[in-house]
PDB file of N, CA and C in Angstrom:
ATOM      1  N   MET A   1     -14.778  -8.756  32.348  1.00  0.00           N
ATOM      2  CA  MET A   1     -13.544  -9.427  32.484  1.00  0.00           C
ATOM      3  C   MET A   1     -13.233 -10.180  31.182  1.00  0.00           C
ATOM      4  N   LEU A   2     -11.983 -10.126  30.746  1.00  0.00           N
ATOM      5  CA  LEU A   2     -11.590 -10.742  29.514  1.00  0.00           C
ATOM      6  C   LEU A   2     -11.247 -12.174  29.778  1.00  0.00           C
ATOM      7  N   ILE A   3     -11.790 -13.088  29.016  1.00  0.00           N
ATOM      8  CA  ILE A   3     -11.524 -14.519  29.168  1.00  0.00           C
ATOM      9  C   ILE A   3     -10.770 -15.010  27.957  1.00  0.00           C
ATOM     10  N   ILE A   4      -9.588 -15.605  28.225  1.00  0.00           N
ATOM     11  CA  ILE A   4      -8.760 -16.151  27.166  1.00  0.00           C
ATOM     12  C   ILE A   4      -8.741 -17.695  27.275  1.00  0.00           C
ATOM     13  N   GLU A   5      -8.881 -18.326  26.095  1.00  0.00           N
ATOM     14  CA  GLU A   5      -8.820 -19.805  26.075  1.00  0.00           C
ATOM     15  C   GLU A   5      -7.441 -20.233  26.562  1.00  0.00           C
ATOM     16  N   LYS A   6      -7.375 -21.453  27.168  1.00  0.00           N
ATOM     17  CA  LYS A   6      -6.137 -21.963  27.673  1.00  0.00           C
ATOM     18  C   LYS A   6      -5.105 -22.139  26.565  1.00  0.00           C
ATOM     19  N   ALA A   7      -5.527 -22.709  25.413  1.00  0.00           N
ATOM     20  CA  ALA A   7      -4.591 -22.902  24.317  1.00  0.00           C
ATOM     21  C   ALA A   7      -4.004 -21.576  23.823  1.00  0.00           C
ATOM     22  N   LEU A   8      -4.849 -20.589  23.681  1.00  0.00           N
ATOM     23  CA  LEU A   8      -4.376 -19.309  23.252  1.00  0.00           C
ATOM     24  C   LEU A   8      -3.406 -18.706  24.263  1.00  0.00           C
ATOM     25  N   LEU A   9      -3.680 -18.812  25.535  1.00  0.00           N
ATOM     26  CA  LEU A   9      -2.816 -18.315  26.613  1.00  0.00           C
ATOM     27  C   LEU A   9      -1.449 -18.975  26.563  1.00  0.00           C
ATOM     28  N   PHE A  10      -1.404 -20.305  26.351  1.00  0.00           N
ATOM     29  CA  PHE A  10      -0.152 -21.018  26.282  1.00  0.00           C
ATOM     30  C   PHE A  10       0.680 -20.598  25.049  1.00  0.00           C
ATOM     31  N   ILE A  11      -0.026 -20.358  23.911  1.00  0.00           N
ATOM     32  CA  ILE A  11       0.678 -19.871  22.708  1.00  0.00           C
ATOM     33  C   ILE A  11       1.259 -18.505  22.977  1.00  0.00           C
ATOM     34  N   ILE A  12       0.479 -17.632  23.584  1.00  0.00           N
ATOM     35  CA  ILE A  12       0.991 -16.281  23.924  1.00  0.00           C
ATOM     36  C   ILE A  12       2.192 -16.337  24.813  1.00  0.00           C
ATOM     37  N   ILE A  13       2.114 -17.172  25.867  1.00  0.00           N
ATOM     38  CA  ILE A  13       3.213 -17.240  26.833  1.00  0.00           C
ATOM     39  C   ILE A  13       4.478 -17.801  26.128  1.00  0.00           C
ATOM     40  N   LEU A  14       4.330 -18.822  25.278  1.00  0.00           N
ATOM     41  CA  LEU A  14       5.443 -19.369  24.543  1.00  0.00           C
ATOM     42  C   LEU A  14       6.059 -18.343  23.588  1.00  0.00           C
ATOM     43  N   ARG A  15       5.279 -17.561  22.922  1.00  0.00           N
ATOM     44  CA  ARG A  15       5.758 -16.520  22.010  1.00  0.00           C
ATOM     45  C   ARG A  15       6.524 -15.433  22.805  1.00  0.00           C
ATOM     46  N   ILE A  16       5.974 -15.040  23.904  1.00  0.00           N
ATOM     47  CA  ILE A  16       6.686 -14.061  24.739  1.00  0.00           C
ATOM     48  C   ILE A  16       8.005 -14.575  25.264  1.00  0.00           C
ATOM     49  N   LEU A  17       7.989 -15.837  25.665  1.00  0.00           N
ATOM     50  CA  LEU A  17       9.242 -16.489  26.143  1.00  0.00           C
ATOM     51  C   LEU A  17      10.260 -16.588  24.983  1.00  0.00           C
ATOM     52  N   SER A  18       9.789 -16.984  23.801  1.00  0.00           N
ATOM     53  CA  SER A  18      10.622 -17.079  22.653  1.00  0.00           C
ATOM     54  C   SER A  18      11.238 -15.725  22.290  1.00  0.00           C
ATOM     55  N   GLY A  19      10.429 -14.742  22.305  1.00  0.00           N
ATOM     56  CA  GLY A  19      10.878 -13.345  22.024  1.00  0.00           C
ATOM     57  C   GLY A  19      11.940 -12.873  23.061  1.00  0.00           C
ATOM     58  N   SER A  20      11.660 -13.232  24.312  1.00  0.00           N
ATOM     59  CA  SER A  20      12.607 -12.882  25.379  1.00  0.00           C
ATOM     60  C   SER A  20      13.961 -13.572  25.200  1.00  0.00           C
ATOM     61  N   ILE A  21      13.896 -14.826  24.784  1.00  0.00           N
ATOM     62  CA  ILE A  21      15.134 -15.532  24.525  1.00  0.00           C
ATOM     63  C   ILE A  21      15.895 -14.888  23.371  1.00  0.00           C
ATOM     64  N   GLU A  22      15.222 -14.504  22.317  1.00  0.00           N
ATOM     65  CA  GLU A  22      15.841 -13.851  21.182  1.00  0.00           C
ATOM     66  C   GLU A  22      16.515 -12.507  21.631  1.00  0.00           C
ATOM     67  N   LEU A  23      15.769 -11.721  22.392  1.00  0.00           N
ATOM     68  CA  LEU A  23      16.372 -10.445  22.852  1.00  0.00           C
ATOM     69  C   LEU A  23      17.502 -10.674  23.762  1.00  0.00           C
ATOM     70  N   SER A  24      17.399 -11.651  24.671  1.00  0.00           N
ATOM     71  CA  SER A  24      18.517 -11.982  25.560  1.00  0.00           C
ATOM     72  C   SER A  24      19.735 -12.389  24.779  1.00  0.00           C
ATOM     73  N   ALA A  25      19.545 -13.184  23.746  1.00  0.00           N
ATOM     74  CA  ALA A  25      20.645 -13.649  22.929  1.00  0.00           C
ATOM     75  C   ALA A  25      21.322 -12.455  22.213  1.00  0.00           C
ATOM     76  N   ALA A  26      20.525 -11.522  21.736  1.00  0.00           N
ATOM     77  CA  ALA A  26      21.086 -10.359  21.084  1.00  0.00           C
ATOM     78  C   ALA A  26      21.882  -9.524  22.054  1.00  0.00           C
ATOM     79  N   MET A  27      21.399  -9.387  23.296  1.00  0.00           N
ATOM     80  CA  MET A  27      22.148  -8.638  24.330  1.00  0.00           C
ATOM     81  C   MET A  27      23.444  -9.348  24.657  1.00  0.00           C
ATOM     82  N   LEU A  28      23.433 -10.688  24.671  1.00  0.00           N
ATOM     83  CA  LEU A  28      24.669 -11.397  24.990  1.00  0.00           C
ATOM     84  C   LEU A  28      25.674 -11.202  23.865  1.00  0.00           C
ATOM     85  N   MET A  29      25.179 -11.182  22.631  1.00  0.00           N
ATOM     86  CA  MET A  29      26.104 -10.926  21.489  1.00  0.00           C
ATOM     87  C   MET A  29      26.763  -9.574  21.572  1.00  0.00           C
ATOM     88  N   ILE A  30      25.930  -8.603  22.004  1.00  0.00           N
ATOM     89  CA  ILE A  30      26.506  -7.239  22.194  1.00  0.00           C
ATOM     90  C   ILE A  30      27.517  -7.220  23.332  1.00  0.00           C
ATOM     91  N   LYS A  31      27.175  -7.877  24.447  1.00  0.00           N
ATOM     92  CA  LYS A  31      28.073  -7.930  25.589  1.00  0.00           C
ATOM     93  C   LYS A  31      29.418  -8.617  25.291  1.00  0.00           C
ATOM     94  N   PHE A  32      29.383  -9.748  24.626  1.00  0.00           N
ATOM     95  CA  PHE A  32      30.598 -10.484  24.324  1.00  0.00           C
ATOM     96  C   PHE A  32      31.423  -9.839  23.244  1.00  0.00           C
ATOM     97  N   ASN A  33      30.740  -9.208  22.273  1.00  0.00           N
ATOM     98  CA  ASN A  33      31.394  -8.483  21.165  1.00  0.00           C
ATOM     99  C   ASN A  33      32.443  -9.356  20.495  1.00  0.00           C
ATOM    100  N   ASP A  34      32.064 -10.616  20.242  1.00  0.00           N
ATOM    101  CA  ASP A  34      32.977 -11.595  19.631  1.00  0.00           C
ATOM    102  C   ASP A  34      32.161 -12.396  18.603  1.00  0.00           C
ATOM    103  N   LEU A  35      32.680 -12.439  17.375  1.00  0.00           N
ATOM    104  CA  LEU A  35      31.963 -13.112  16.286  1.00  0.00           C
ATOM    105  C   LEU A  35      31.808 -14.590  16.574  1.00  0.00           C
ATOM    106  N   GLU A  36      32.797 -15.265  17.120  1.00  0.00           N
ATOM    107  CA  GLU A  36      32.671 -16.713  17.389  1.00  0.00           C
ATOM    108  C   GLU A  36      31.558 -16.976  18.388  1.00  0.00           C
ATOM    109  N   LYS A  37      31.550 -16.192  19.478  1.00  0.00           N
ATOM    110  CA  LYS A  37      30.492 -16.373  20.506  1.00  0.00           C
ATOM    111  C   LYS A  37      29.119 -16.059  19.946  1.00  0.00           C
ATOM    112  N   ALA A  38      29.050 -15.016  19.152  1.00  0.00           N
ATOM    113  CA  ALA A  38      27.765 -14.648  18.547  1.00  0.00           C
ATOM    114  C   ALA A  38      27.295 -15.747  17.602  1.00  0.00           C
ATOM    115  N   PHE A  39      28.216 -16.379  16.878  1.00  0.00           N
ATOM    116  CA  PHE A  39      27.882 -17.479  15.993  1.00  0.00           C
ATOM    117  C   PHE A  39      27.346 -18.661  16.811  1.00  0.00           C
ATOM    118  N   TYR A  40      28.008 -18.925  17.932  1.00  0.00           N
ATOM    119  CA  TYR A  40      27.570 -20.049  18.823  1.00  0.00           C
ATOM    120  C   TYR A  40      26.150 -19.733  19.389  1.00  0.00           C
ATOM    121  N   ILE A  41      25.921 -18.515  19.852  1.00  0.00           N
ATOM    122  CA  ILE A  41      24.642 -18.145  20.398  1.00  0.00           C
ATOM    123  C   ILE A  41      23.598 -18.254  19.323  1.00  0.00           C
ATOM    124  N   ASN A  42      23.907 -17.799  18.116  1.00  0.00           N
ATOM    125  CA  ASN A  42      22.925 -17.895  17.006  1.00  0.00           C
ATOM    126  C   ASN A  42      22.597 -19.318  16.671  1.00  0.00           C
ATOM    127  N   SER A  43      23.606 -20.173  16.723  1.00  0.00           N
ATOM    128  CA  SER A  43      23.364 -21.643  16.477  1.00  0.00           C
ATOM    129  C   SER A  43      22.392 -22.201  17.488  1.00  0.00           C
ATOM    130  N   LEU A  44      22.529 -21.793  18.747  1.00  0.00           N
ATOM    131  CA  LEU A  44      21.605 -22.276  19.788  1.00  0.00           C
ATOM    132  C   LEU A  44      20.181 -21.758  19.525  1.00  0.00           C
ATOM    133  N   LEU A  45      20.073 -20.546  19.000  1.00  0.00           N
ATOM    134  CA  LEU A  45      18.786 -19.950  18.664  1.00  0.00           C
ATOM    135  C   LEU A  45      18.103 -20.740  17.554  1.00  0.00           C
ATOM    136  N   ALA A  46      18.927 -21.335  16.712  1.00  0.00           N
ATOM    137  CA  ALA A  46      18.360 -22.113  15.550  1.00  0.00           C
ATOM    138  C   ALA A  46      17.566 -23.320  16.089  1.00  0.00           C
ATOM    139  N   LEU A  47      17.851 -23.776  17.316  1.00  0.00           N
ATOM    140  CA  LEU A  47      17.104 -24.867  17.879  1.00  0.00           C
ATOM    141  C   LEU A  47      15.818 -24.375  18.518  1.00  0.00           C
ATOM    142  N   VAL A  48      15.843 -23.157  19.054  1.00  0.00           N
ATOM    143  CA  VAL A  48      14.634 -22.648  19.744  1.00  0.00           C
ATOM    144  C   VAL A  48      13.464 -22.369  18.803  1.00  0.00           C
ATOM    145  N   GLY A  49      13.760 -21.766  17.678  1.00  0.00           N
ATOM    146  CA  GLY A  49      12.702 -21.378  16.745  1.00  0.00           C
ATOM    147  C   GLY A  49      11.840 -22.487  16.229  1.00  0.00           C
ATOM    148  N   PRO A  50      12.381 -23.570  15.707  1.00  0.00           N
ATOM    149  CA  PRO A  50      11.572 -24.734  15.219  1.00  0.00           C
ATOM    150  C   PRO A  50      10.798 -25.377  16.382  1.00  0.00           C
ATOM    151  N   VAL A  51      11.404 -25.473  17.545  1.00  0.00           N
ATOM    152  CA  VAL A  51      10.716 -26.085  18.660  1.00  0.00           C
ATOM    153  C   VAL A  51       9.453 -25.282  19.019  1.00  0.00           C
ATOM    154  N   VAL A  52       9.644 -23.981  19.125  1.00  0.00           N
ATOM    155  CA  VAL A  52       8.501 -23.115  19.444  1.00  0.00           C
ATOM    156  C   VAL A  52       7.441 -23.223  18.378  1.00  0.00           C
ATOM    157  N   LEU A  53       7.830 -23.221  17.108  1.00  0.00           N
ATOM    158  CA  LEU A  53       6.902 -23.350  15.995  1.00  0.00           C
ATOM    159  C   LEU A  53       6.083 -24.628  16.102  1.00  0.00           C
ATOM    160  N   ILE A  54       6.732 -25.722  16.336  1.00  0.00           N
ATOM    161  CA  ILE A  54       6.049 -27.020  16.443  1.00  0.00           C
ATOM    162  C   ILE A  54       5.127 -27.082  17.664  1.00  0.00           C
ATOM    163  N   VAL A  55       5.630 -26.619  18.792  1.00  0.00           N
ATOM    164  CA  VAL A  55       4.833 -26.706  20.026  1.00  0.00           C
ATOM    165  C   VAL A  55       3.633 -25.745  19.949  1.00  0.00           C
ATOM    166  N   THR A  56       3.807 -24.523  19.434  1.00  0.00           N
ATOM    167  CA  THR A  56       2.653 -23.613  19.362  1.00  0.00           C
ATOM    168  C   THR A  56       1.626 -24.106  18.323  1.00  0.00           C
ATOM    169  N   THR A  57       2.102 -24.694  17.253  1.00  0.00           N
ATOM    170  CA  THR A  57       1.179 -25.254  16.280  1.00  0.00           C
ATOM    171  C   THR A  57       0.412 -26.452  16.846  1.00  0.00           C
ATOM    172  N   GLY A  58       1.120 -27.276  17.581  1.00  0.00           N
ATOM    173  CA  GLY A  58       0.447 -28.404  18.223  1.00  0.00           C
ATOM    174  C   GLY A  58      -0.589 -27.958  19.233  1.00  0.00           C
ATOM    175  N   ILE A  59      -0.259 -26.948  20.007  1.00  0.00           N
ATOM    176  CA  ILE A  59      -1.242 -26.425  20.995  1.00  0.00           C
ATOM    177  C   ILE A  59      -2.409 -25.826  20.261  1.00  0.00           C
ATOM    178  N   GLY A  60      -2.155 -25.081  19.216  1.00  0.00           N
ATOM    179  CA  GLY A  60      -3.281 -24.471  18.432  1.00  0.00           C
ATOM    180  C   GLY A  60      -4.166 -25.532  17.803  1.00  0.00           C
ATOM    181  N   LEU A  61      -3.529 -26.543  17.261  1.00  0.00           N
ATOM    182  CA  LEU A  61      -4.369 -27.631  16.626  1.00  0.00           C
ATOM    183  C   LEU A  61      -5.163 -28.385  17.682  1.00  0.00           C
ATOM    184  N   THR A  62      -4.557 -28.586  18.848  1.00  0.00           N
ATOM    185  CA  THR A  62      -5.280 -29.291  19.923  1.00  0.00           C
ATOM    186  C   THR A  62      -6.526 -28.445  20.321  1.00  0.00           C
ATOM    187  N   GLY A  63      -6.318 -27.120  20.425  1.00  0.00           N
ATOM    188  CA  GLY A  63      -7.419 -26.273  20.812  1.00  0.00           C
ATOM    189  C   GLY A  63      -8.483 -26.219  19.717  1.00  0.00           C
ATOM    190  N   LEU A  64      -8.081 -26.371  18.482  1.00  0.00           N
ATOM    191  CA  LEU A  64      -9.038 -26.298  17.357  1.00  0.00           C
ATOM    192  C   LEU A  64      -9.493 -27.689  16.886  1.00  0.00           C
ATOM    193  N   SER A  65      -9.141 -28.725  17.614  1.00  0.00           N
ATOM    194  CA  SER A  65      -9.383 -30.096  17.162  1.00  0.00           C
ATOM    195  C   SER A  65     -10.893 -30.357  16.826  1.00  0.00           C
ATOM    196  N   GLU A  66     -11.763 -29.710  17.505  1.00  0.00           N
ATOM    197  CA  GLU A  66     -13.184 -29.925  17.215  1.00  0.00           C
ATOM    198  C   GLU A  66     -13.622 -29.193  15.948  1.00  0.00           C
ATOM    199  N   LYS A  67     -12.862 -28.177  15.525  1.00  0.00           N
ATOM    200  CA  LYS A  67     -13.278 -27.360  14.354  1.00  0.00           C
ATOM    201  C   LYS A  67     -12.527 -27.762  13.110  1.00  0.00           C
ATOM    202  N   ILE A  68     -11.402 -28.444  13.201  1.00  0.00           N
ATOM    203  CA  ILE A  68     -10.573 -28.795  12.055  1.00  0.00           C
ATOM    204  C   ILE A  68     -10.530 -30.291  11.867  1.00  0.00           C
ATOM    205  N   SER A  69     -10.692 -30.700  10.615  1.00  0.00           N
ATOM    206  CA  SER A  69     -10.710 -32.156  10.298  1.00  0.00           C
ATOM    207  C   SER A  69      -9.315 -32.752  10.450  1.00  0.00           C
ATOM    208  N   LEU A  70      -9.252 -34.028  10.626  1.00  0.00           N
ATOM    209  CA  LEU A  70      -7.999 -34.738  10.798  1.00  0.00           C
ATOM    210  C   LEU A  70      -7.123 -34.551   9.558  1.00  0.00           C
ATOM    211  N   THR A  71      -7.719 -34.542   8.405  1.00  0.00           N
ATOM    212  CA  THR A  71      -6.974 -34.344   7.098  1.00  0.00           C
ATOM    213  C   THR A  71      -6.272 -32.991   7.134  1.00  0.00           C
ATOM    214  N   ARG A  72      -6.946 -31.954   7.551  1.00  0.00           N
ATOM    215  CA  ARG A  72      -6.355 -30.627   7.619  1.00  0.00           C
ATOM    216  C   ARG A  72      -5.212 -30.574   8.588  1.00  0.00           C
ATOM    217  N   MET A  73      -5.376 -31.246   9.739  1.00  0.00           N
ATOM    218  CA  MET A  73      -4.298 -31.297  10.764  1.00  0.00           C
ATOM    219  C   MET A  73      -3.078 -31.932  10.216  1.00  0.00           C
ATOM    220  N   VAL A  74      -3.247 -33.052   9.542  1.00  0.00           N
ATOM    221  CA  VAL A  74      -2.126 -33.772   8.942  1.00  0.00           C
ATOM    222  C   VAL A  74      -1.416 -32.887   7.874  1.00  0.00           C
ATOM    223  N   CYS A  75      -2.206 -32.228   7.090  1.00  0.00           N
ATOM    224  CA  CYS A  75      -1.656 -31.341   6.064  1.00  0.00           C
ATOM    225  C   CYS A  75      -0.847 -30.219   6.698  1.00  0.00           C
ATOM    226  N   LEU A  76      -1.382 -29.626   7.782  1.00  0.00           N
ATOM    227  CA  LEU A  76      -0.679 -28.529   8.472  1.00  0.00           C
ATOM    228  C   LEU A  76       0.682 -28.970   8.989  1.00  0.00           C
ATOM    229  N   PHE A  77       0.674 -30.111   9.717  1.00  0.00           N
ATOM    230  CA  PHE A  77       1.908 -30.686  10.199  1.00  0.00           C
ATOM    231  C   PHE A  77       2.883 -31.085   9.114  1.00  0.00           C
ATOM    232  N   ALA A  78       2.375 -31.603   8.011  1.00  0.00           N
ATOM    233  CA  ALA A  78       3.216 -31.930   6.851  1.00  0.00           C
ATOM    234  C   ALA A  78       3.828 -30.695   6.311  1.00  0.00           C
ATOM    235  N   GLY A  79       3.070 -29.629   6.237  1.00  0.00           N
ATOM    236  CA  GLY A  79       3.594 -28.355   5.758  1.00  0.00           C
ATOM    237  C   GLY A  79       4.693 -27.791   6.645  1.00  0.00           C
ATOM    238  N   ILE A  80       4.522 -27.931   7.924  1.00  0.00           N
ATOM    239  CA  ILE A  80       5.550 -27.454   8.879  1.00  0.00           C
ATOM    240  C   ILE A  80       6.814 -28.314   8.719  1.00  0.00           C
ATOM    241  N   LEU A  81       6.626 -29.604   8.578  1.00  0.00           N
ATOM    242  CA  LEU A  81       7.778 -30.474   8.418  1.00  0.00           C
ATOM    243  C   LEU A  81       8.507 -30.155   7.100  1.00  0.00           C
ATOM    244  N   LEU A  82       7.754 -29.826   6.016  1.00  0.00           N
ATOM    245  CA  LEU A  82       8.381 -29.446   4.789  1.00  0.00           C
ATOM    246  C   LEU A  82       9.174 -28.153   4.913  1.00  0.00           C
ATOM    247  N   ILE A  83       8.638 -27.219   5.653  1.00  0.00           N
ATOM    248  CA  ILE A  83       9.320 -25.963   5.898  1.00  0.00           C
ATOM    249  C   ILE A  83      10.640 -26.204   6.585  1.00  0.00           C
ATOM    250  N   LEU A  84      10.580 -27.016   7.659  1.00  0.00           N
ATOM    251  CA  LEU A  84      11.777 -27.341   8.409  1.00  0.00           C
ATOM    252  C   LEU A  84      12.753 -28.096   7.566  1.00  0.00           C
ATOM    253  N   TYR A  85      12.313 -29.001   6.726  1.00  0.00           N
ATOM    254  CA  TYR A  85      13.200 -29.780   5.886  1.00  0.00           C
ATOM    255  C   TYR A  85      13.837 -28.859   4.837  1.00  0.00           C
ATOM    256  N   SER A  86      13.074 -27.924   4.305  1.00  0.00           N
ATOM    257  CA  SER A  86      13.664 -27.030   3.298  1.00  0.00           C
ATOM    258  C   SER A  86      14.706 -26.101   3.865  1.00  0.00           C
ATOM    259  N   LEU A  87      14.593 -25.802   5.101  1.00  0.00           N
ATOM    260  CA  LEU A  87      15.618 -24.938   5.748  1.00  0.00           C
ATOM    261  C   LEU A  87      16.905 -25.725   5.968  1.00  0.00           C
ATOM    262  N   LYS A  88      16.815 -27.020   6.150  1.00  0.00           N
ATOM    263  CA  LYS A  88      18.002 -27.851   6.437  1.00  0.00           C
ATOM    264  C   LYS A  88      18.651 -28.327   5.136  1.00  0.00           C
ATOM    265  N   SER A  89      17.918 -28.400   4.030  1.00  0.00           N
ATOM    266  CA  SER A  89      18.451 -28.918   2.818  1.00  0.00           C
ATOM    267  C   SER A  89      19.271 -27.820   2.042  1.00  0.00           C
ATOM    268  N   ASN A  90      20.110 -28.269   1.155  1.00  0.00           N
ATOM    269  CA  ASN A  90      20.934 -27.308   0.414  1.00  0.00           C
ATOM    270  C   ASN A  90      20.242 -26.794  -0.782  1.00  0.00           C
TER     271      ASN A  90
END
């Protein structure tokens, strides 16, 4: 029997959910066939991506907390925040 760690299972479920949301959004864009509605749907997706990134990283770091030093954890979160900041800046 295959045993999966809880943290890994949560990350997998979140990624499947995130992918399903992305595919559903694409199908809605096709269904509506309207650029304004597609733009609105795409804007909503811009909220989902960073949230999933932060949550999955947090879950992963929690699962690895015994193996990774506090300094590395801080650096990883700082890196994620810098990525998100660079996406928002001009």
